[in-house]
PDB file of all heavy atoms in Angstrom:
ATOM      1  N   ALA A   1       0.855  -1.185   0.000  1.00  0.00           N
ATOM      2  CA  ALA A   1       0.000   0.000   0.000  1.00  0.00           C
ATOM      3  C   ALA A   1       0.893   1.238   0.000  1.00  0.00           C
ATOM      4  O   ALA A   1       1.804   1.356   0.803  1.00  0.00           O
ATOM      5  CB  ALA A   1      -0.897   0.000   1.234  1.00  0.00           C
ATOM      6  N   ALA A   2       0.623   2.159  -0.923  1.00  0.00           N
ATOM      7  CA  ALA A   2       1.494   3.331  -1.032  1.00  0.00           C
ATOM      8  C   ALA A   2       0.782   4.460  -1.743  1.00  0.00           C
ATOM      9  O   ALA A   2      -0.055   4.241  -2.622  1.00  0.00           O
ATOM     10  CB  ALA A   2       2.777   2.983  -1.783  1.00  0.00           C
ATOM     11  N   THR A   3       1.113   5.690  -1.329  1.00  0.00           N
ATOM     12  CA  THR A   3       0.607   6.894  -2.012  1.00  0.00           C
ATOM     13  C   THR A   3       1.741   7.748  -2.550  1.00  0.00           C
ATOM     14  O   THR A   3       1.536   8.551  -3.448  1.00  0.00           O
ATOM     15  CB  THR A   3      -0.235   7.728  -1.044  1.00  0.00           C
ATOM     16  OG1 THR A   3       0.562   8.054   0.095  1.00  0.00           O
ATOM     17  CG2 THR A   3      -1.476   6.951  -0.594  1.00  0.00           C
ATOM     18  N   ALA A   4       2.941   7.598  -1.997  1.00  0.00           N
ATOM     19  CA  ALA A   4       4.088   8.385  -2.459  1.00  0.00           C
ATOM     20  C   ALA A   4       5.370   7.679  -2.041  1.00  0.00           C
ATOM     21  O   ALA A   4       5.410   6.936  -1.060  1.00  0.00           O
ATOM     22  CB  ALA A   4       4.051   9.791  -1.872  1.00  0.00           C
ATOM     23  N   ALA A   5       6.429   7.932  -2.807  1.00  0.00           N
ATOM     24  CA  ALA A   5       7.712   7.286  -2.521  1.00  0.00           C
ATOM     25  C   ALA A   5       8.259   7.708  -1.168  1.00  0.00           C
ATOM     26  O   ALA A   5       8.974   6.947  -0.518  1.00  0.00           O
ATOM     27  CB  ALA A   5       8.717   7.626  -3.622  1.00  0.00           C
ATOM     28  N   THR A   6       7.884   8.905  -0.720  1.00  0.00           N
ATOM     29  CA  THR A   6       8.462   9.419   0.529  1.00  0.00           C
ATOM     30  C   THR A   6       8.074   8.614   1.754  1.00  0.00           C
ATOM     31  O   THR A   6       8.657   8.797   2.816  1.00  0.00           O
ATOM     32  CB  THR A   6       8.032  10.882   0.727  1.00  0.00           C
ATOM     33  OG1 THR A   6       6.599  10.971   0.626  1.00  0.00           O
ATOM     34  CG2 THR A   6       8.677  11.772  -0.328  1.00  0.00           C
ATOM     35  N   GLN A   7       7.054   7.737   1.654  1.00  0.00           N
ATOM     36  CA  GLN A   7       6.682   6.946   2.816  1.00  0.00           C
ATOM     37  C   GLN A   7       7.623   5.762   3.035  1.00  0.00           C
ATOM     38  O   GLN A   7       7.548   5.096   4.062  1.00  0.00           O
ATOM     39  CB  GLN A   7       5.241   6.454   2.692  1.00  0.00           C
ATOM     40  CG  GLN A   7       5.026   5.320   1.689  1.00  0.00           C
ATOM     41  CD  GLN A   7       3.567   4.938   1.596  1.00  0.00           C
ATOM     42  OE1 GLN A   7       2.761   5.659   1.046  1.00  0.00           O
ATOM     43  NE2 GLN A   7       3.241   3.786   2.159  1.00  0.00           N
ATOM     44  N   PHE A   8       8.500   5.469   2.037  1.00  0.00           N
ATOM     45  CA  PHE A   8       9.458   4.381   2.196  1.00  0.00           C
ATOM     46  C   PHE A   8      10.799   4.956   2.640  1.00  0.00           C
ATOM     47  O   PHE A   8      11.199   6.049   2.222  1.00  0.00           O
ATOM     48  CB  PHE A   8       9.622   3.628   0.872  1.00  0.00           C
ATOM     49  CG  PHE A   8       8.339   2.980   0.398  1.00  0.00           C
ATOM     50  CD1 PHE A   8       7.653   3.483  -0.712  1.00  0.00           C
ATOM     51  CD2 PHE A   8       7.791   1.892   1.064  1.00  0.00           C
ATOM     52  CE1 PHE A   8       6.481   2.917  -1.139  1.00  0.00           C
ATOM     53  CE2 PHE A   8       6.612   1.324   0.650  1.00  0.00           C
ATOM     54  CZ  PHE A   8       5.951   1.821  -0.454  1.00  0.00           C
ATOM     55  N   PRO A   9      11.513   4.240   3.515  1.00  0.00           N
ATOM     56  CA  PRO A   9      12.758   4.790   4.069  1.00  0.00           C
ATOM     57  C   PRO A   9      13.866   4.897   3.041  1.00  0.00           C
ATOM     58  O   PRO A   9      14.002   4.063   2.143  1.00  0.00           O
ATOM     59  CB  PRO A   9      13.109   3.767   5.165  1.00  0.00           C
ATOM     60  CG  PRO A   9      12.469   2.509   4.721  1.00  0.00           C
ATOM     61  CD  PRO A   9      11.191   2.903   4.047  1.00  0.00           C
ATOM     62  N   ILE A  10      14.654   5.954   3.187  1.00  0.00           N
ATOM     63  CA  ILE A  10      15.839   6.134   2.336  1.00  0.00           C
ATOM     64  C   ILE A  10      16.885   5.095   2.731  1.00  0.00           C
ATOM     65  O   ILE A  10      17.114   4.835   3.909  1.00  0.00           O
ATOM     66  CB  ILE A  10      16.397   7.550   2.503  1.00  0.00           C
ATOM     67  CG1 ILE A  10      15.380   8.580   1.980  1.00  0.00           C
ATOM     68  CG2 ILE A  10      17.730   7.707   1.777  1.00  0.00           C
ATOM     69  CD1 ILE A  10      15.745  10.000   2.325  1.00  0.00           C
ATOM     70  N   SER A  11      17.512   4.467   1.744  1.00  0.00           N
ATOM     71  CA  SER A  11      18.568   3.490   2.013  1.00  0.00           C
ATOM     72  C   SER A  11      19.892   4.237   2.175  1.00  0.00           C
ATOM     73  O   SER A  11      20.593   4.521   1.209  1.00  0.00           O
ATOM     74  CB  SER A  11      18.668   2.460   0.875  1.00  0.00           C
ATOM     75  OG  SER A  11      19.733   1.560   1.125  1.00  0.00           O
ATOM     76  N   TYR A  12      20.189   4.542   3.428  1.00  0.00           N
ATOM     77  CA  TYR A  12      21.422   5.271   3.676  1.00  0.00           C
ATOM     78  C   TYR A  12      22.652   4.401   3.366  1.00  0.00           C
ATOM     79  O   TYR A  12      23.715   4.908   2.996  1.00  0.00           O
ATOM     80  CB  TYR A  12      21.467   5.745   5.131  1.00  0.00           C
ATOM     81  CG  TYR A  12      20.413   6.768   5.441  1.00  0.00           C
ATOM     82  CD1 TYR A  12      19.275   6.436   6.168  1.00  0.00           C
ATOM     83  CD2 TYR A  12      20.530   8.091   4.986  1.00  0.00           C
ATOM     84  CE1 TYR A  12      18.295   7.370   6.434  1.00  0.00           C
ATOM     85  CE2 TYR A  12      19.541   9.037   5.255  1.00  0.00           C
ATOM     86  CZ  TYR A  12      18.440   8.656   5.982  1.00  0.00           C
ATOM     87  OH  TYR A  12      17.482   9.587   6.245  1.00  0.00           O
ATOM     88  N   ALA A  13      22.488   3.094   3.518  1.00  0.00           N
ATOM     89  CA  ALA A  13      23.614   2.203   3.205  1.00  0.00           C
ATOM     90  C   ALA A  13      23.957   2.270   1.718  1.00  0.00           C
ATOM     91  O   ALA A  13      25.125   2.322   1.329  1.00  0.00           O
ATOM     92  CB  ALA A  13      23.273   0.770   3.609  1.00  0.00           C
ATOM     93  N   VAL A  14      22.924   2.267   0.860  1.00  0.00           N
ATOM     94  CA  VAL A  14      23.174   2.373  -0.579  1.00  0.00           C
ATOM     95  C   VAL A  14      23.792   3.729  -0.897  1.00  0.00           C
ATOM     96  O   VAL A  14      24.722   3.828  -1.706  1.00  0.00           O
ATOM     97  CB  VAL A  14      21.858   2.163  -1.371  1.00  0.00           C
ATOM     98  CG1 VAL A  14      22.073   2.485  -2.842  1.00  0.00           C
ATOM     99  CG2 VAL A  14      21.374   0.724  -1.226  1.00  0.00           C
ATOM    100  N   GLU A  15      23.261   4.792  -0.253  1.00  0.00           N
ATOM    101  CA  GLU A  15      23.839   6.111  -0.502  1.00  0.00           C
ATOM    102  C   GLU A  15      25.314   6.147  -0.082  1.00  0.00           C
ATOM    103  O   GLU A  15      26.149   6.730  -0.775  1.00  0.00           O
ATOM    104  CB  GLU A  15      23.041   7.163   0.262  1.00  0.00           C
ATOM    105  CG  GLU A  15      21.691   7.458  -0.354  1.00  0.00           C
ATOM    106  CD  GLU A  15      21.070   8.722   0.195  1.00  0.00           C
ATOM    107  OE1 GLU A  15      21.393   9.102   1.334  1.00  0.00           O
ATOM    108  OE2 GLU A  15      20.275   9.342  -0.528  1.00  0.00           O
ATOM    109  N   ALA A  16      25.597   5.515   1.064  1.00  0.00           N
ATOM    110  CA  ALA A  16      26.993   5.481   1.501  1.00  0.00           C
ATOM    111  C   ALA A  16      27.863   4.706   0.528  1.00  0.00           C
ATOM    112  O   ALA A  16      28.996   5.098   0.220  1.00  0.00           O
ATOM    113  CB  ALA A  16      27.084   4.862   2.899  1.00  0.00           C
ATOM    114  N   LEU A  17      27.302   3.584  -0.004  1.00  0.00           N
ATOM    115  CA  LEU A  17      28.064   2.789  -0.976  1.00  0.00           C
ATOM    116  C   LEU A  17      28.307   3.581  -2.257  1.00  0.00           C
ATOM    117  O   LEU A  17      29.402   3.554  -2.829  1.00  0.00           O
ATOM    118  CB  LEU A  17      27.297   1.493  -1.292  1.00  0.00           C
ATOM    119  CG  LEU A  17      27.917   0.582  -2.359  1.00  0.00           C
ATOM    120  CD1 LEU A  17      29.312   0.133  -1.927  1.00  0.00           C
ATOM    121  CD2 LEU A  17      27.028  -0.615  -2.623  1.00  0.00           C
ATOM    122  N   VAL A  18      27.264   4.298  -2.697  1.00  0.00           N
ATOM    123  CA  VAL A  18      27.418   5.110  -3.909  1.00  0.00           C
ATOM    124  C   VAL A  18      28.494   6.163  -3.713  1.00  0.00           C
ATOM    125  O   VAL A  18      29.342   6.398  -4.581  1.00  0.00           O
ATOM    126  CB  VAL A  18      26.070   5.763  -4.287  1.00  0.00           C
ATOM    127  CG1 VAL A  18      26.268   6.785  -5.397  1.00  0.00           C
ATOM    128  CG2 VAL A  18      25.083   4.707  -4.735  1.00  0.00           C
ATOM    129  N   ARG A  19      28.435   6.799  -2.530  1.00  0.00           N
ATOM    130  CA  ARG A  19      29.459   7.807  -2.266  1.00  0.00           C
ATOM    131  C   ARG A  19      30.856   7.187  -2.256  1.00  0.00           C
ATOM    132  O   ARG A  19      31.817   7.766  -2.758  1.00  0.00           O
ATOM    133  CB  ARG A  19      29.165   8.490  -0.929  1.00  0.00           C
ATOM    134  CG  ARG A  19      28.009   9.485  -0.968  1.00  0.00           C
ATOM    135  CD  ARG A  19      28.013  10.353   0.277  1.00  0.00           C
ATOM    136  NE  ARG A  19      27.806   9.567   1.478  1.00  0.00           N
ATOM    137  CZ  ARG A  19      26.614   9.262   1.967  1.00  0.00           C
ATOM    138  NH1 ARG A  19      25.533   9.665   1.341  1.00  0.00           N
ATOM    139  NH2 ARG A  19      26.516   8.560   3.065  1.00  0.00           N
ATOM    140  N   LYS A  20      30.928   5.992  -1.681  1.00  0.00           N
ATOM    141  CA  LYS A  20      32.229   5.339  -1.588  1.00  0.00           C
ATOM    142  C   LYS A  20      32.759   4.995  -2.974  1.00  0.00           C
ATOM    143  O   LYS A  20      33.948   5.189  -3.289  1.00  0.00           O
ATOM    144  CB  LYS A  20      32.097   4.066  -0.741  1.00  0.00           C
ATOM    145  CG  LYS A  20      33.416   3.529  -0.223  1.00  0.00           C
ATOM    146  CD  LYS A  20      33.170   2.471   0.843  1.00  0.00           C
ATOM    147  CE  LYS A  20      34.480   2.013   1.444  1.00  0.00           C
ATOM    148  NZ  LYS A  20      34.277   1.024   2.522  1.00  0.00           N
ATOM    149  N   LEU A  21      31.865   4.478  -3.840  1.00  0.00           N
ATOM    150  CA  LEU A  21      32.275   4.155  -5.205  1.00  0.00           C
ATOM    151  C   LEU A  21      32.724   5.409  -5.946  1.00  0.00           C
ATOM    152  O   LEU A  21      33.696   5.398  -6.705  1.00  0.00           O
ATOM    153  CB  LEU A  21      31.115   3.477  -5.949  1.00  0.00           C
ATOM    154  CG  LEU A  21      30.740   2.058  -5.464  1.00  0.00           C
ATOM    155  CD1 LEU A  21      29.497   1.575  -6.170  1.00  0.00           C
ATOM    156  CD2 LEU A  21      31.896   1.092  -5.709  1.00  0.00           C
ATOM    157  N   LYS A  22      31.986   6.502  -5.728  1.00  0.00           N
ATOM    158  CA  LYS A  22      32.364   7.748  -6.393  1.00  0.00           C
ATOM    159  C   LYS A  22      33.730   8.231  -5.893  1.00  0.00           C
ATOM    160  O   LYS A  22      34.552   8.710  -6.681  1.00  0.00           O
ATOM    161  CB  LYS A  22      31.300   8.811  -6.134  1.00  0.00           C
ATOM    162  CG  LYS A  22      29.994   8.585  -6.897  1.00  0.00           C
ATOM    163  CD  LYS A  22      29.017   9.699  -6.604  1.00  0.00           C
ATOM    164  CE  LYS A  22      27.725   9.505  -7.410  1.00  0.00           C
ATOM    165  NZ  LYS A  22      26.751  10.566  -7.118  1.00  0.00           N
ATOM    166  N   ASN A  23      33.939   8.079  -4.594  1.00  0.00           N
ATOM    167  CA  ASN A  23      35.227   8.505  -4.035  1.00  0.00           C
ATOM    168  C   ASN A  23      36.386   7.682  -4.587  1.00  0.00           C
ATOM    169  O   ASN A  23      37.458   8.209  -4.892  1.00  0.00           O
ATOM    170  CB  ASN A  23      35.192   8.385  -2.509  1.00  0.00           C
ATOM    171  CG  ASN A  23      34.257   9.402  -1.888  1.00  0.00           C
ATOM    172  OD1 ASN A  23      33.934  10.408  -2.522  1.00  0.00           O
ATOM    173  ND2 ASN A  23      33.807   9.140  -0.677  1.00  0.00           N
ATOM    174  N   ILE A  24      36.136   6.347  -4.711  1.00  0.00           N
ATOM    175  CA  ILE A  24      37.176   5.482  -5.275  1.00  0.00           C
ATOM    176  C   ILE A  24      37.492   5.884  -6.711  1.00  0.00           C
ATOM    177  O   ILE A  24      38.652   5.974  -7.128  1.00  0.00           O
ATOM    178  CB  ILE A  24      36.740   4.008  -5.207  1.00  0.00           C
ATOM    179  CG1 ILE A  24      36.695   3.548  -3.738  1.00  0.00           C
ATOM    180  CG2 ILE A  24      37.677   3.117  -6.011  1.00  0.00           C
ATOM    181  CD1 ILE A  24      36.113   2.178  -3.547  1.00  0.00           C
ATOM    182  N   GLN A  25      36.418   6.156  -7.481  1.00  0.00           N
ATOM    183  CA  GLN A  25      36.596   6.544  -8.887  1.00  0.00           C
ATOM    184  C   GLN A  25      37.382   7.857  -8.984  1.00  0.00           C
ATOM    185  O   GLN A  25      38.286   8.009  -9.815  1.00  0.00           O
ATOM    186  CB  GLN A  25      35.231   6.685  -9.558  1.00  0.00           C
ATOM    187  CG  GLN A  25      35.323   7.042 -11.038  1.00  0.00           C
ATOM    188  CD  GLN A  25      33.938   7.169 -11.657  1.00  0.00           C
ATOM    189  OE1 GLN A  25      32.933   7.083 -10.973  1.00  0.00           O
ATOM    190  NE2 GLN A  25      33.909   7.356 -12.953  1.00  0.00           N
ATOM    191  N   GLN A  26      37.025   8.790  -8.096  1.00  0.00           N
ATOM    192  CA  GLN A  26      37.730  10.076  -8.119  1.00  0.00           C
ATOM    193  C   GLN A  26      39.204   9.911  -7.736  1.00  0.00           C
ATOM    194  O   GLN A  26      40.091  10.558  -8.306  1.00  0.00           O
ATOM    195  CB  GLN A  26      37.048  11.045  -7.155  1.00  0.00           C
ATOM    196  CG  GLN A  26      35.674  11.488  -7.636  1.00  0.00           C
ATOM    197  CD  GLN A  26      34.933  12.271  -6.571  1.00  0.00           C
ATOM    198  OE1 GLN A  26      35.424  12.452  -5.469  1.00  0.00           O
ATOM    199  NE2 GLN A  26      33.744  12.732  -6.928  1.00  0.00           N
ATOM    200  N   THR A  27      39.449   8.991  -6.794  1.00  0.00           N
ATOM    201  CA  THR A  27      40.827   8.755  -6.367  1.00  0.00           C
ATOM    202  C   THR A  27      41.656   8.150  -7.492  1.00  0.00           C
ATOM    203  O   THR A  27      42.828   8.489  -7.699  1.00  0.00           O
ATOM    204  CB  THR A  27      40.846   7.838  -5.141  1.00  0.00           C
ATOM    205  OG1 THR A  27      40.075   8.442  -4.095  1.00  0.00           O
ATOM    206  CG2 THR A  27      42.276   7.620  -4.641  1.00  0.00           C
ATOM    207  N   GLN A  28      41.012   7.215  -8.245  1.00  0.00           N
ATOM    208  CA  GLN A  28      41.724   6.583  -9.359  1.00  0.00           C
ATOM    209  C   GLN A  28      42.001   7.578 -10.478  1.00  0.00           C
ATOM    210  O   GLN A  28      43.043   7.524 -11.150  1.00  0.00           O
ATOM    211  CB  GLN A  28      40.898   5.404  -9.900  1.00  0.00           C
ATOM    212  CG  GLN A  28      40.812   4.231  -8.929  1.00  0.00           C
ATOM    213  CD  GLN A  28      39.874   3.158  -9.413  1.00  0.00           C
ATOM    214  OE1 GLN A  28      39.048   3.387 -10.307  1.00  0.00           O
ATOM    215  NE2 GLN A  28      39.984   1.968  -8.830  1.00  0.00           N
ATOM    216  N   GLU A  29      41.067   8.490 -10.712  1.00  0.00           N
ATOM    217  CA  GLU A  29      41.236   9.456 -11.795  1.00  0.00           C
ATOM    218  C   GLU A  29      42.295  10.502 -11.454  1.00  0.00           C
ATOM    219  O   GLU A  29      43.018  10.977 -12.321  1.00  0.00           O
ATOM    220  CB  GLU A  29      39.905  10.149 -12.089  1.00  0.00           C
ATOM    221  CG  GLU A  29      38.873   9.210 -12.711  1.00  0.00           C
ATOM    222  CD  GLU A  29      37.524   9.896 -12.868  1.00  0.00           C
ATOM    223  OE1 GLU A  29      37.395  11.031 -12.357  1.00  0.00           O
ATOM    224  OE2 GLU A  29      36.646   9.317 -13.481  1.00  0.00           O
ATOM    225  N   LYS A  30      42.383  10.811 -10.159  1.00  0.00           N
ATOM    226  CA  LYS A  30      43.315  11.857  -9.753  1.00  0.00           C
ATOM    227  C   LYS A  30      43.950  11.457  -8.422  1.00  0.00           C
ATOM    228  O   LYS A  30      43.271  11.374  -7.414  1.00  0.00           O
ATOM    229  CB  LYS A  30      42.563  13.182  -9.598  1.00  0.00           C
ATOM    230  CG  LYS A  30      43.484  14.395  -9.609  1.00  0.00           C
ATOM    231  CD  LYS A  30      42.645  15.663  -9.730  1.00  0.00           C
ATOM    232  CE  LYS A  30      43.543  16.876  -9.879  1.00  0.00           C
ATOM    233  NZ  LYS A  30      42.760  18.112 -10.038  1.00  0.00           N
TER     234      LYS A  30
END
């Protein structure tokens, strides 16, 4: 049951993983 995406919790773990991957990529590039 749902009316909007905001009622589901944000996956902070995925966000942290994304940030980590971006940081690794940035480190490799420079």
